PDB file of N, CA and C in Angstrom:
ATOM      1  N   MET A   1      87.981 151.388  86.873  1.00  0.00           N
ATOM      2  CA  MET A   1      86.489 150.622  86.926  1.00  0.00           C
ATOM      3  C   MET A   1      86.911 149.526  85.719  1.00  0.00           C
ATOM      4  N   GLN A   2      86.725 148.459  86.109  1.00  0.00           N
ATOM      5  CA  GLN A   2      86.991 147.763  85.172  1.00  0.00           C
ATOM      6  C   GLN A   2      86.255 146.909  84.600  1.00  0.00           C
ATOM      7  N   LYS A   3      85.423 146.434  83.370  1.00  0.00           N
ATOM      8  CA  LYS A   3      84.333 145.891  83.283  1.00  0.00           C
ATOM      9  C   LYS A   3      84.540 144.789  82.902  1.00  0.00           C
ATOM     10  N   THR A   4      83.451 144.052  83.354  1.00  0.00           N
ATOM     11  CA  THR A   4      83.500 142.370  83.109  1.00  0.00           C
ATOM     12  C   THR A   4      82.192 141.861  82.772  1.00  0.00           C
ATOM     13  N   THR A   5      81.377 140.809  82.062  1.00  0.00           N
ATOM     14  CA  THR A   5      80.589 140.076  82.001  1.00  0.00           C
ATOM     15  C   THR A   5      79.981 139.438  82.802  1.00  0.00           C
ATOM     16  N   VAL A   6      78.903 139.086  83.290  1.00  0.00           N
ATOM     17  CA  VAL A   6      78.647 137.951  84.426  1.00  0.00           C
ATOM     18  C   VAL A   6      77.303 137.152  83.728  1.00  0.00           C
ATOM     19  N   TYR A   7      77.717 136.205  83.584  1.00  0.00           N
ATOM     20  CA  TYR A   7      75.886 135.322  82.937  1.00  0.00           C
ATOM     21  C   TYR A   7      75.593 134.167  84.715  1.00  0.00           C
ATOM     22  N   MET A   8      74.233 135.061  84.461  1.00  0.00           N
ATOM     23  CA  MET A   8      73.333 134.112  85.797  1.00  0.00           C
ATOM     24  C   MET A   8      72.251 133.565  85.174  1.00  0.00           C
ATOM     25  N   ASP A   9      71.478 132.592  85.672  1.00  0.00           N
ATOM     26  CA  ASP A   9      70.254 132.016  84.986  1.00  0.00           C
ATOM     27  C   ASP A   9      69.241 133.081  85.346  1.00  0.00           C
ATOM     28  N   GLU A  10      68.149 132.912  84.921  1.00  0.00           N
ATOM     29  CA  GLU A  10      66.714 134.160  84.816  1.00  0.00           C
ATOM     30  C   GLU A  10      66.155 134.178  85.675  1.00  0.00           C
ATOM     31  N   SER A  11      66.611 133.322  86.892  1.00  0.00           N
ATOM     32  CA  SER A  11      65.510 133.162  88.041  1.00  0.00           C
ATOM     33  C   SER A  11      66.436 134.425  89.039  1.00  0.00           C
ATOM     34  N   THR A  12      67.583 133.942  88.852  1.00  0.00           N
ATOM     35  CA  THR A  12      68.836 134.212  89.812  1.00  0.00           C
ATOM     36  C   THR A  12      68.621 136.478  88.859  1.00  0.00           C
ATOM     37  N   TYR A  13      68.266 136.905  87.527  1.00  0.00           N
ATOM     38  CA  TYR A  13      68.704 138.282  87.449  1.00  0.00           C
ATOM     39  C   TYR A  13      67.262 138.606  87.326  1.00  0.00           C
ATOM     40  N   ARG A  14      66.310 137.676  87.798  1.00  0.00           N
ATOM     41  CA  ARG A  14      64.868 138.044  88.129  1.00  0.00           C
ATOM     42  C   ARG A  14      65.305 139.301  89.471  1.00  0.00           C
ATOM     43  N   ARG A  15      65.515 138.014  89.968  1.00  0.00           N
ATOM     44  CA  ARG A  15      65.286 138.053  91.706  1.00  0.00           C
ATOM     45  C   ARG A  15      66.495 139.410  91.893  1.00  0.00           C
ATOM     46  N   LEU A  16      67.373 139.883  91.052  1.00  0.00           N
ATOM     47  CA  LEU A  16      68.135 141.019  91.280  1.00  0.00           C
ATOM     48  C   LEU A  16      67.752 141.909  90.999  1.00  0.00           C
ATOM     49  N   LYS A  17      67.009 142.044  89.725  1.00  0.00           N
ATOM     50  CA  LYS A  17      66.218 143.358  89.504  1.00  0.00           C
ATOM     51  C   LYS A  17      65.317 143.628  90.083  1.00  0.00           C
ATOM     52  N   GLN A  18      65.019 142.731  91.299  1.00  0.00           N
ATOM     53  CA  GLN A  18      63.703 142.992  92.020  1.00  0.00           C
ATOM     54  C   GLN A  18      63.960 143.613  93.528  1.00  0.00           C
ATOM     55  N   ILE A  19      65.378 143.067  93.583  1.00  0.00           N
ATOM     56  CA  ILE A  19      66.109 143.886  95.136  1.00  0.00           C
ATOM     57  C   ILE A  19      66.336 145.278  94.418  1.00  0.00           C
ATOM     58  N   ALA A  20      67.227 144.848  93.317  1.00  0.00           N
ATOM     59  CA  ALA A  20      67.441 146.456  92.509  1.00  0.00           C
ATOM     60  C   ALA A  20      66.329 148.038  92.743  1.00  0.00           C
ATOM     61  N   ARG A  21      65.847 147.180  92.038  1.00  0.00           N
ATOM     62  CA  ARG A  21      64.149 148.547  92.625  1.00  0.00           C
ATOM     63  C   ARG A  21      64.137 148.403  93.290  1.00  0.00           C
ATOM     64  N   ALA A  22      63.495 147.446  94.375  1.00  0.00           N
ATOM     65  CA  ALA A  22      62.916 147.651  95.748  1.00  0.00           C
ATOM     66  C   ALA A  22      64.121 148.990  96.520  1.00  0.00           C
ATOM     67  N   ARG A  23      65.069 148.446  96.157  1.00  0.00           N
ATOM     68  CA  ARG A  23      66.065 149.521  96.323  1.00  0.00           C
ATOM     69  C   ARG A  23      66.541 150.513  95.821  1.00  0.00           C
ATOM     70  N   ARG A  24      65.783 151.042  94.943  1.00  0.00           N
ATOM     71  CA  ARG A  24      66.269 151.771  94.212  1.00  0.00           C
ATOM     72  C   ARG A  24      67.604 152.291  93.621  1.00  0.00           C
ATOM     73  N   ARG A  25      68.448 151.038  93.174  1.00  0.00           N
ATOM     74  CA  ARG A  25      70.046 151.368  93.039  1.00  0.00           C
ATOM     75  C   ARG A  25      70.323 150.335  91.533  1.00  0.00           C
ATOM     76  N   PRO A  26      70.787 150.360  90.844  1.00  0.00           N
ATOM     77  CA  PRO A  26      70.725 149.579  89.522  1.00  0.00           C
ATOM     78  C   PRO A  26      71.557 148.478  90.073  1.00  0.00           C
ATOM     79  N   PRO A  27      71.030 147.518  89.116  1.00  0.00           N
ATOM     80  CA  PRO A  27      71.495 145.675  89.612  1.00  0.00           C
ATOM     81  C   PRO A  27      73.193 145.973  89.380  1.00  0.00           C
ATOM     82  N   ALA A  28      74.407 146.982  88.872  1.00  0.00           N
ATOM     83  CA  ALA A  28      75.037 146.922  88.109  1.00  0.00           C
ATOM     84  C   ALA A  28      75.786 147.259  89.627  1.00  0.00           C
ATOM     85  N   GLU A  29      75.942 148.158  90.011  1.00  0.00           N
ATOM     86  CA  GLU A  29      75.395 148.098  91.528  1.00  0.00           C
ATOM     87  C   GLU A  29      75.965 147.188  92.282  1.00  0.00           C
ATOM     88  N   MET A  30      74.901 146.713  92.732  1.00  0.00           N
ATOM     89  CA  MET A  30      74.692 145.726  93.664  1.00  0.00           C
ATOM     90  C   MET A  30      75.042 144.536  93.353  1.00  0.00           C
ATOM     91  N   VAL A  31      75.742 144.025  91.730  1.00  0.00           N
ATOM     92  CA  VAL A  31      76.378 142.721  91.599  1.00  0.00           C
ATOM     93  C   VAL A  31      77.856 143.367  92.355  1.00  0.00           C
ATOM     94  N   ARG A  32      78.292 144.743  92.011  1.00  0.00           N
ATOM     95  CA  ARG A  32      79.803 145.198  92.625  1.00  0.00           C
ATOM     96  C   ARG A  32      79.651 145.342  93.965  1.00  0.00           C
ATOM     97  N   GLU A  33      78.481 145.235  94.611  1.00  0.00           N
ATOM     98  CA  GLU A  33      78.818 145.051  96.009  1.00  0.00           C
ATOM     99  C   GLU A  33      78.953 143.744  96.358  1.00  0.00           C
ATOM    100  N   ALA A  34      78.286 143.108  95.908  1.00  0.00           N
ATOM    101  CA  ALA A  34      78.294 141.836  96.492  1.00  0.00           C
ATOM    102  C   ALA A  34      79.663 141.189  96.303  1.00  0.00           C
ATOM    103  N   VAL A  35      79.895 141.355  94.749  1.00  0.00           N
ATOM    104  CA  VAL A  35      81.270 140.933  95.071  1.00  0.00           C
ATOM    105  C   VAL A  35      82.528 141.354  95.625  1.00  0.00           C
ATOM    106  N   ALA A  36      82.652 143.188  95.895  1.00  0.00           N
ATOM    107  CA  ALA A  36      83.331 143.300  96.856  1.00  0.00           C
ATOM    108  C   ALA A  36      83.173 142.379  98.575  1.00  0.00           C
ATOM    109  N   GLU A  37      82.130 142.432  98.519  1.00  0.00           N
ATOM    110  CA  GLU A  37      81.989 142.046 100.179  1.00  0.00           C
ATOM    111  C   GLU A  37      82.667 140.411 100.234  1.00  0.00           C
ATOM    112  N   PHE A  38      82.297 139.574  98.613  1.00  0.00           N
ATOM    113  CA  PHE A  38      82.819 138.331  98.271  1.00  0.00           C
ATOM    114  C   PHE A  38      84.508 138.610  98.717  1.00  0.00           C
ATOM    115  N   ALA A  39      85.279 139.286  97.977  1.00  0.00           N
ATOM    116  CA  ALA A  39      86.583 139.272  97.775  1.00  0.00           C
ATOM    117  C   ALA A  39      87.283 140.073  99.583  1.00  0.00           C
ATOM    118  N   ALA A  40      86.378 140.467 100.141  1.00  0.00           N
ATOM    119  CA  ALA A  40      87.257 141.229 101.325  1.00  0.00           C
ATOM    120  C   ALA A  40      86.805 139.763 102.476  1.00  0.00           C
ATOM    121  N   ARG A  41      86.217 139.323 102.166  1.00  0.00           N
ATOM    122  CA  ARG A  41      85.658 137.734 103.282  1.00  0.00           C
ATOM    123  C   ARG A  41      86.162 136.866 103.064  1.00  0.00           C
ATOM    124  N   HIS A  42      86.898 136.762 101.639  1.00  0.00           N
ATOM    125  CA  HIS A  42      88.137 135.860 101.269  1.00  0.00           C
ATOM    126  C   HIS A  42      89.016 135.307 100.541  1.00  0.00           C
ATOM    127  N   ALA A  43      89.733 137.302 101.383  1.00  0.00           N
ATOM    128  CA  ALA A  43      90.686 137.493 100.805  1.00  0.00           C
ATOM    129  C   ALA A  43      91.553 137.133 101.915  1.00  0.00           C
ATOM    130  N   PRO A  44      92.671 136.129 101.620  1.00  0.00           N
ATOM    131  CA  PRO A  44      93.929 136.211 102.632  1.00  0.00           C
ATOM    132  C   PRO A  44      94.176 137.468 103.754  1.00  0.00           C
ATOM    133  N   ARG A  45      94.460 137.360 104.968  1.00  0.00           N
ATOM    134  CA  ARG A  45      94.376 138.215 106.111  1.00  0.00           C
ATOM    135  C   ARG A  45      96.023 138.188 106.067  1.00  0.00           C
ATOM    136  N   ARG A  46      96.872 139.819 106.020  1.00  0.00           N
ATOM    137  CA  ARG A  46      98.132 139.604 105.993  1.00  0.00           C
ATOM    138  C   ARG A  46      98.080 140.050 107.456  1.00  0.00           C
ATOM    139  N   THR A  47      99.407 139.394 107.918  1.00  0.00           N
ATOM    140  CA  THR A  47      99.444 139.908 109.605  1.00  0.00           C
ATOM    141  C   THR A  47     101.048 140.964 109.334  1.00  0.00           C
ATOM    142  N   PRO A  48     100.138 141.791 110.247  1.00  0.00           N
ATOM    143  CA  PRO A  48     101.640 143.251 110.751  1.00  0.00           C
ATOM    144  C   PRO A  48     102.621 142.678 110.481  1.00  0.00           C
ATOM    145  N   LYS A  49     103.556 143.709 110.169  1.00  0.00           N
ATOM    146  CA  LYS A  49     105.146 143.354 110.530  1.00  0.00           C
ATOM    147  C   LYS A  49     105.429 143.250 111.479  1.00  0.00           C
ATOM    148  N   SER A  50     104.601 144.568 112.432  1.00  0.00           N
ATOM    149  CA  SER A  50     105.223 143.987 113.889  1.00  0.00           C
ATOM    150  C   SER A  50     104.783 142.715 114.528  1.00  0.00           C
ATOM    151  N   ILE A  51     104.253 141.741 113.983  1.00  0.00           N
ATOM    152  CA  ILE A  51     103.867 141.021 115.233  1.00  0.00           C
ATOM    153  C   ILE A  51     105.107 140.000 114.871  1.00  0.00           C
ATOM    154  N   GLY A  52     105.549 139.673 116.240  1.00  0.00           N
ATOM    155  CA  GLY A  52     106.536 139.271 117.009  1.00  0.00           C
ATOM    156  C   GLY A  52     107.825 139.651 116.079  1.00  0.00           C
ATOM    157  N   ALA A  53     108.104 140.948 116.409  1.00  0.00           N
ATOM    158  CA  ALA A  53     109.274 141.936 115.819  1.00  0.00           C
ATOM    159  C   ALA A  53     110.084 142.481 116.851  1.00  0.00           C
ATOM    160  N   PHE A  54     109.287 142.434 118.212  1.00  0.00           N
ATOM    161  CA  PHE A  54     110.417 142.330 119.185  1.00  0.00           C
ATOM    162  C   PHE A  54     110.251 141.221 120.417  1.00  0.00           C
ATOM    163  N   LYS A  55     111.062 141.332 121.039  1.00  0.00           N
ATOM    164  CA  LYS A  55     111.508 140.638 121.913  1.00  0.00           C
ATOM    165  C   LYS A  55     111.520 141.317 123.174  1.00  0.00           C
ATOM    166  N   SER A  56     110.844 140.557 124.429  1.00  0.00           N
ATOM    167  CA  SER A  56     109.970 141.174 125.659  1.00  0.00           C
ATOM    168  C   SER A  56     111.246 140.960 126.558  1.00  0.00           C
ATOM    169  N   GLY A  57     111.615 140.077 126.456  1.00  0.00           N
ATOM    170  CA  GLY A  57     112.380 138.648 127.534  1.00  0.00           C
ATOM    171  C   GLY A  57     112.073 138.399 128.047  1.00  0.00           C
ATOM    172  N   ARG A  58     110.307 138.503 128.150  1.00  0.00           N
ATOM    173  CA  ARG A  58     109.832 137.331 129.579  1.00  0.00           C
ATOM    174  C   ARG A  58     109.811 136.073 128.602  1.00  0.00           C
ATOM    175  N   ARG A  59     109.637 135.282 129.327  1.00  0.00           N
ATOM    176  CA  ARG A  59     108.743 134.244 128.537  1.00  0.00           C
ATOM    177  C   ARG A  59     107.563 133.589 129.914  1.00  0.00           C
ATOM    178  N   ASP A  60     106.977 134.298 130.447  1.00  0.00           N
ATOM    179  CA  ASP A  60     105.753 133.927 130.864  1.00  0.00           C
ATOM    180  C   ASP A  60     104.491 135.071 130.585  1.00  0.00           C
ATOM    181  N   LEU A  61     104.896 135.642 129.831  1.00  0.00           N
ATOM    182  CA  LEU A  61     103.330 136.737 128.854  1.00  0.00           C
ATOM    183  C   LEU A  61     102.536 136.059 128.923  1.00  0.00           C
ATOM    184  N   GLY A  62     102.360 134.718 127.853  1.00  0.00           N
ATOM    185  CA  GLY A  62     101.404 134.166 127.725  1.00  0.00           C
ATOM    186  C   GLY A  62     100.713 133.292 129.147  1.00  0.00           C
ATOM    187  N   GLN A  63     101.180 133.511 130.242  1.00  0.00           N
ATOM    188  CA  GLN A  63     100.852 132.571 131.197  1.00  0.00           C
ATOM    189  C   GLN A  63     100.114 133.687 132.640  1.00  0.00           C
ATOM    190  N   ARG A  64     100.601 135.175 132.071  1.00  0.00           N
ATOM    191  CA  ARG A  64     100.720 135.687 133.102  1.00  0.00           C
ATOM    192  C   ARG A  64      99.902 136.944 132.324  1.00  0.00           C
ATOM    193  N   ALA A  65      99.538 136.958 130.848  1.00  0.00           N
ATOM    194  CA  ALA A  65      99.360 138.615 130.505  1.00  0.00           C
ATOM    195  C   ALA A  65      97.741 138.996 131.079  1.00  0.00           C
ATOM    196  N   GLU A  66      97.116 138.560 131.906  1.00  0.00           N
ATOM    197  CA  GLU A  66      95.714 139.086 132.087  1.00  0.00           C
ATOM    198  C   GLU A  66      96.695 139.889 133.555  1.00  0.00           C
ATOM    199  N   GLU A  67      97.164 139.277 134.467  1.00  0.00           N
ATOM    200  CA  GLU A  67      98.367 139.895 135.494  1.00  0.00           C
ATOM    201  C   GLU A  67      98.898 140.861 135.099  1.00  0.00           C
ATOM    202  N   LEU A  68     100.030 140.955 134.305  1.00  0.00           N
ATOM    203  CA  LEU A  68     100.524 142.003 133.951  1.00  0.00           C
ATOM    204  C   LEU A  68      99.802 143.489 133.019  1.00  0.00           C
ATOM    205  N   LEU A  69      98.864 142.783 132.341  1.00  0.00           N
ATOM    206  CA  LEU A  69      97.471 144.400 131.853  1.00  0.00           C
ATOM    207  C   LEU A  69      96.871 144.946 132.497  1.00  0.00           C
ATOM    208  N   SER A  70      96.614 144.326 133.718  1.00  0.00           N
ATOM    209  CA  SER A  70      95.638 145.250 134.712  1.00  0.00           C
ATOM    210  C   SER A  70      96.117 146.120 135.061  1.00  0.00           C
ATOM    211  N   GLY A  71      94.979 147.213 135.371  1.00  0.00           N
ATOM    212  CA  GLY A  71      95.432 148.294 135.834  1.00  0.00           C
ATOM    213  C   GLY A  71      95.512 149.343 134.258  1.00  0.00           C
ATOM    214  N   ILE A  72      95.876 149.168 133.507  1.00  0.00           N
ATOM    215  CA  ILE A  72      96.448 149.331 132.120  1.00  0.00           C
ATOM    216  C   ILE A  72      94.781 150.576 131.981  1.00  0.00           C
ATOM    217  N   GLY A  73      94.996 151.905 131.713  1.00  0.00           N
ATOM    218  CA  GLY A  73      93.788 152.341 131.646  1.00  0.00           C
ATOM    219  C   GLY A  73      93.300 152.903 132.756  1.00  0.00           C
ATOM    220  N   LYS A  74      93.703 152.692 133.681  1.00  0.00           N
ATOM    221  CA  LYS A  74      92.979 153.037 135.184  1.00  0.00           C
ATOM    222  C   LYS A  74      93.647 154.713 135.692  1.00  0.00           C
ATOM    223  N   ASP A  75      92.903 155.721 135.938  1.00  0.00           N
ATOM    224  CA  ASP A  75      93.905 156.932 136.691  1.00  0.00           C
ATOM    225  C   ASP A  75      94.528 155.808 138.049  1.00  0.00           C
ATOM    226  N   ARG A  76      95.137 156.733 138.076  1.00  0.00           N
ATOM    227  CA  ARG A  76      96.668 155.805 139.097  1.00  0.00           C
ATOM    228  C   ARG A  76      96.210 157.066 140.324  1.00  0.00           C
TER     229      ARG A  76
END
């Protein structure tokens, strides 16, 4: 774990401490959680390498997707 310093105004820090106290968790843990959520929400999403890696030879997949996928998962 890396250590960093975060500056915040007094009212924000007071609210953080109140929330932390109510949840019986340390303020630092709450800050780590908030930063992790922010990073996950704003990180660029990587496209799986398998996307576009194969060719079916069919040019109508987009137009006929529902028809072609009907019956999948049903017992025959």
